Amino acid sequence: MPAQKTTPSFGAMPRLALGDAISAKAGTGILAVCAKGIVLQFPFAPDGSVAELRGKHKRAAYLKKSRQPDRI
């Protein structure tokens, strides 16, 4: 069985999927390539956890609070 390639972070997935299609001007953060009105849903989040984030500002606050890196 071949070794599986791992992705270092959620934010790295767009870079892996789109490669050179992401402009260098976009920056390195996932927020740089997100629309202002982005909606992220977490349908399997445990009770009491965040189930939805609406807006780029909410995503930014969530990243900061959860100490997740904002990088692609």
N, C-alpha and C. Protein backbone atom coordinates (compact mmCIF):
# COMPACT_ATOMS: atom_id res chain seq x y z
N MET A 1 0.85 -1.18 0.00
CA MET A 1 0.00 0.00 0.00
C MET A 1 0.90 1.24 0.00
N PRO A 2 0.64 2.22 -0.89
CA PRO A 2 1.48 3.41 -0.94
C PRO A 2 1.29 4.28 0.29
N ALA A 3 2.35 5.00 0.64
CA ALA A 3 2.29 5.91 1.79
C ALA A 3 1.32 7.05 1.47
N GLN A 4 0.57 7.46 2.47
CA GLN A 4 -0.37 8.56 2.28
C GLN A 4 0.34 9.88 2.50
N LYS A 5 0.02 10.85 1.66
CA LYS A 5 0.55 12.19 1.82
C LYS A 5 -0.34 12.94 2.79
N THR A 6 0.23 13.58 3.77
CA THR A 6 -0.57 14.32 4.74
C THR A 6 -0.54 15.81 4.42
N THR A 7 -1.60 16.49 4.79
CA THR A 7 -1.71 17.93 4.62
C THR A 7 -1.40 18.57 5.96
N PRO A 8 -0.47 19.54 6.00
CA PRO A 8 -0.07 20.12 7.28
C PRO A 8 -1.16 20.90 8.00
N SER A 9 -2.13 21.44 7.28
CA SER A 9 -3.19 22.21 7.92
C SER A 9 -4.38 22.34 6.98
N PHE A 10 -5.54 22.70 7.55
CA PHE A 10 -6.72 22.94 6.73
C PHE A 10 -6.43 24.04 5.70
N GLY A 11 -5.73 25.04 6.14
CA GLY A 11 -5.40 26.16 5.26
C GLY A 11 -4.49 25.78 4.11
N ALA A 12 -3.78 24.66 4.22
CA ALA A 12 -2.88 24.22 3.16
C ALA A 12 -3.62 23.54 2.01
N MET A 13 -4.84 23.09 2.25
CA MET A 13 -5.58 22.36 1.22
C MET A 13 -5.81 23.16 -0.06
N PRO A 14 -6.23 24.44 0.01
CA PRO A 14 -6.41 25.18 -1.24
C PRO A 14 -5.12 25.30 -2.04
N ARG A 15 -4.00 25.51 -1.36
CA ARG A 15 -2.71 25.64 -2.05
C ARG A 15 -2.36 24.33 -2.76
N LEU A 16 -2.60 23.20 -2.09
CA LEU A 16 -2.33 21.91 -2.70
C LEU A 16 -3.26 21.65 -3.88
N ALA A 17 -4.52 22.03 -3.74
CA ALA A 17 -5.50 21.77 -4.79
C ALA A 17 -5.33 22.70 -5.99
N LEU A 18 -5.00 23.96 -5.73
CA LEU A 18 -4.96 24.95 -6.80
C LEU A 18 -3.55 25.28 -7.28
N GLY A 19 -2.56 24.96 -6.47
CA GLY A 19 -1.17 25.18 -6.87
C GLY A 19 -0.90 26.59 -7.34
N ASP A 20 -0.37 26.70 -8.55
CA ASP A 20 0.04 27.99 -9.10
C ASP A 20 -1.14 28.89 -9.47
N ALA A 21 -2.36 28.38 -9.41
CA ALA A 21 -3.53 29.20 -9.75
C ALA A 21 -3.78 30.27 -8.68
N ILE A 22 -3.23 30.09 -7.49
CA ILE A 22 -3.36 31.11 -6.45
C ILE A 22 -2.25 32.14 -6.66
N SER A 23 -2.63 33.36 -6.86
CA SER A 23 -1.68 34.43 -7.09
C SER A 23 -0.80 34.67 -5.88
N ALA A 24 0.45 34.96 -6.11
CA ALA A 24 1.36 35.30 -5.02
C ALA A 24 0.88 36.55 -4.30
N LYS A 25 0.14 37.41 -5.02
CA LYS A 25 -0.39 38.64 -4.42
C LYS A 25 -1.47 38.36 -3.37
N ALA A 26 -2.03 37.17 -3.42
CA ALA A 26 -3.09 36.81 -2.48
C ALA A 26 -2.56 36.68 -1.06
N GLY A 27 -1.28 36.55 -0.92
CA GLY A 27 -0.71 36.36 0.41
C GLY A 27 -0.64 34.87 0.74
N THR A 28 -0.33 34.58 1.97
CA THR A 28 -0.17 33.18 2.36
C THR A 28 -1.29 32.69 3.25
N GLY A 29 -2.17 33.57 3.68
CA GLY A 29 -3.22 33.18 4.60
C GLY A 29 -4.49 32.74 3.91
N ILE A 30 -5.19 31.82 4.53
CA ILE A 30 -6.46 31.33 3.99
C ILE A 30 -7.46 32.48 3.88
N LEU A 31 -7.40 33.42 4.81
CA LEU A 31 -8.34 34.55 4.76
C LEU A 31 -8.12 35.43 3.54
N ALA A 32 -6.91 35.44 3.03
CA ALA A 32 -6.60 36.26 1.86
C ALA A 32 -7.35 35.79 0.62
N VAL A 33 -7.70 34.52 0.57
CA VAL A 33 -8.39 33.99 -0.61
C VAL A 33 -9.86 33.69 -0.35
N CYS A 34 -10.38 34.13 0.80
CA CYS A 34 -11.79 33.91 1.14
C CYS A 34 -12.62 35.15 0.78
N ALA A 35 -13.83 34.91 0.37
CA ALA A 35 -14.77 36.00 0.11
C ALA A 35 -15.19 36.63 1.44
N LYS A 36 -15.56 37.88 1.40
CA LYS A 36 -15.98 38.61 2.60
C LYS A 36 -17.16 37.90 3.29
N GLY A 37 -18.06 37.33 2.51
CA GLY A 37 -19.25 36.68 3.06
C GLY A 37 -19.13 35.17 3.21
N ILE A 38 -17.93 34.66 3.38
CA ILE A 38 -17.71 33.21 3.50
C ILE A 38 -18.57 32.62 4.62
N VAL A 39 -19.07 31.42 4.39
CA VAL A 39 -19.82 30.69 5.42
C VAL A 39 -19.14 29.33 5.58
N LEU A 40 -18.70 29.04 6.78
CA LEU A 40 -18.10 27.75 7.10
C LEU A 40 -19.05 27.02 8.03
N GLN A 41 -19.38 25.80 7.67
CA GLN A 41 -20.29 25.00 8.50
C GLN A 41 -19.57 23.76 8.99
N PHE A 42 -19.84 23.41 10.23
CA PHE A 42 -19.25 22.25 10.87
C PHE A 42 -20.39 21.35 11.34
N PRO A 43 -21.00 20.57 10.43
CA PRO A 43 -22.20 19.80 10.76
C PRO A 43 -21.98 18.72 11.80
N PHE A 44 -20.76 18.30 12.01
CA PHE A 44 -20.51 17.23 12.97
C PHE A 44 -19.85 17.75 14.25
N ALA A 45 -19.93 19.06 14.46
CA ALA A 45 -19.36 19.66 15.67
C ALA A 45 -20.13 19.16 16.89
N PRO A 46 -19.43 18.86 17.96
CA PRO A 46 -20.11 18.42 19.18
C PRO A 46 -21.01 19.53 19.75
N ASP A 47 -22.01 19.15 20.50
CA ASP A 47 -22.89 20.13 21.14
C ASP A 47 -22.05 21.13 21.93
N GLY A 48 -22.40 22.39 21.81
CA GLY A 48 -21.69 23.44 22.52
C GLY A 48 -20.50 24.00 21.75
N SER A 49 -20.14 23.37 20.63
CA SER A 49 -19.04 23.85 19.79
C SER A 49 -19.58 24.74 18.69
N VAL A 50 -18.70 25.43 18.02
CA VAL A 50 -19.07 26.27 16.89
C VAL A 50 -19.58 25.39 15.76
N ALA A 51 -20.79 25.65 15.28
CA ALA A 51 -21.37 24.87 14.20
C ALA A 51 -21.35 25.64 12.87
N GLU A 52 -21.21 26.98 12.95
CA GLU A 52 -21.19 27.79 11.74
C GLU A 52 -20.48 29.11 12.00
N LEU A 53 -19.73 29.54 11.01
CA LEU A 53 -19.08 30.85 11.05
C LEU A 53 -19.53 31.60 9.80
N ARG A 54 -20.08 32.80 9.97
CA ARG A 54 -20.54 33.60 8.83
C ARG A 54 -19.70 34.87 8.75
N GLY A 55 -19.00 35.01 7.66
CA GLY A 55 -18.21 36.22 7.43
C GLY A 55 -16.72 36.02 7.70
N LYS A 56 -15.95 36.74 6.92
CA LYS A 56 -14.49 36.67 7.03
C LYS A 56 -14.01 37.09 8.42
N HIS A 57 -14.66 38.10 8.99
CA HIS A 57 -14.27 38.58 10.31
C HIS A 57 -14.49 37.52 11.39
N LYS A 58 -15.56 36.73 11.26
CA LYS A 58 -15.82 35.65 12.23
C LYS A 58 -14.76 34.56 12.10
N ARG A 59 -14.39 34.25 10.85
CA ARG A 59 -13.35 33.24 10.61
C ARG A 59 -12.03 33.70 11.21
N ALA A 60 -11.70 34.98 11.02
CA ALA A 60 -10.45 35.53 11.56
C ALA A 60 -10.43 35.43 13.08
N ALA A 61 -11.55 35.78 13.71
CA ALA A 61 -11.63 35.72 15.17
C ALA A 61 -11.52 34.27 15.66
N TYR A 62 -12.14 33.35 14.93
CA TYR A 62 -12.08 31.93 15.30
C TYR A 62 -10.65 31.40 15.21
N LEU A 63 -9.94 31.77 14.13
CA LEU A 63 -8.55 31.35 13.98
C LEU A 63 -7.69 31.85 15.13
N LYS A 64 -7.90 33.12 15.48
CA LYS A 64 -7.11 33.72 16.57
C LYS A 64 -7.42 33.04 17.90
N LYS A 65 -8.70 32.84 18.18
CA LYS A 65 -9.12 32.22 19.44
C LYS A 65 -8.64 30.77 19.55
N SER A 66 -8.71 30.05 18.45
CA SER A 66 -8.34 28.63 18.48
C SER A 66 -6.84 28.41 18.27
N ARG A 67 -6.13 29.50 18.02
CA ARG A 67 -4.68 29.46 17.80
C ARG A 67 -4.29 28.58 16.63
N GLN A 68 -5.17 28.51 15.64
CA GLN A 68 -4.87 27.79 14.41
C GLN A 68 -4.11 28.74 13.47
N PRO A 69 -3.15 28.19 12.75
CA PRO A 69 -2.43 29.06 11.82
C PRO A 69 -3.29 29.46 10.63
N ASP A 70 -3.10 30.68 10.16
CA ASP A 70 -3.79 31.17 8.96
C ASP A 70 -2.76 31.17 7.84
N ARG A 71 -2.55 30.00 7.30
CA ARG A 71 -1.59 29.92 6.19
C ARG A 71 -2.08 28.91 5.17
N ILE A 72 -1.64 29.13 3.98
CA ILE A 72 -1.98 28.21 2.89
C ILE A 72 -0.73 27.43 2.55
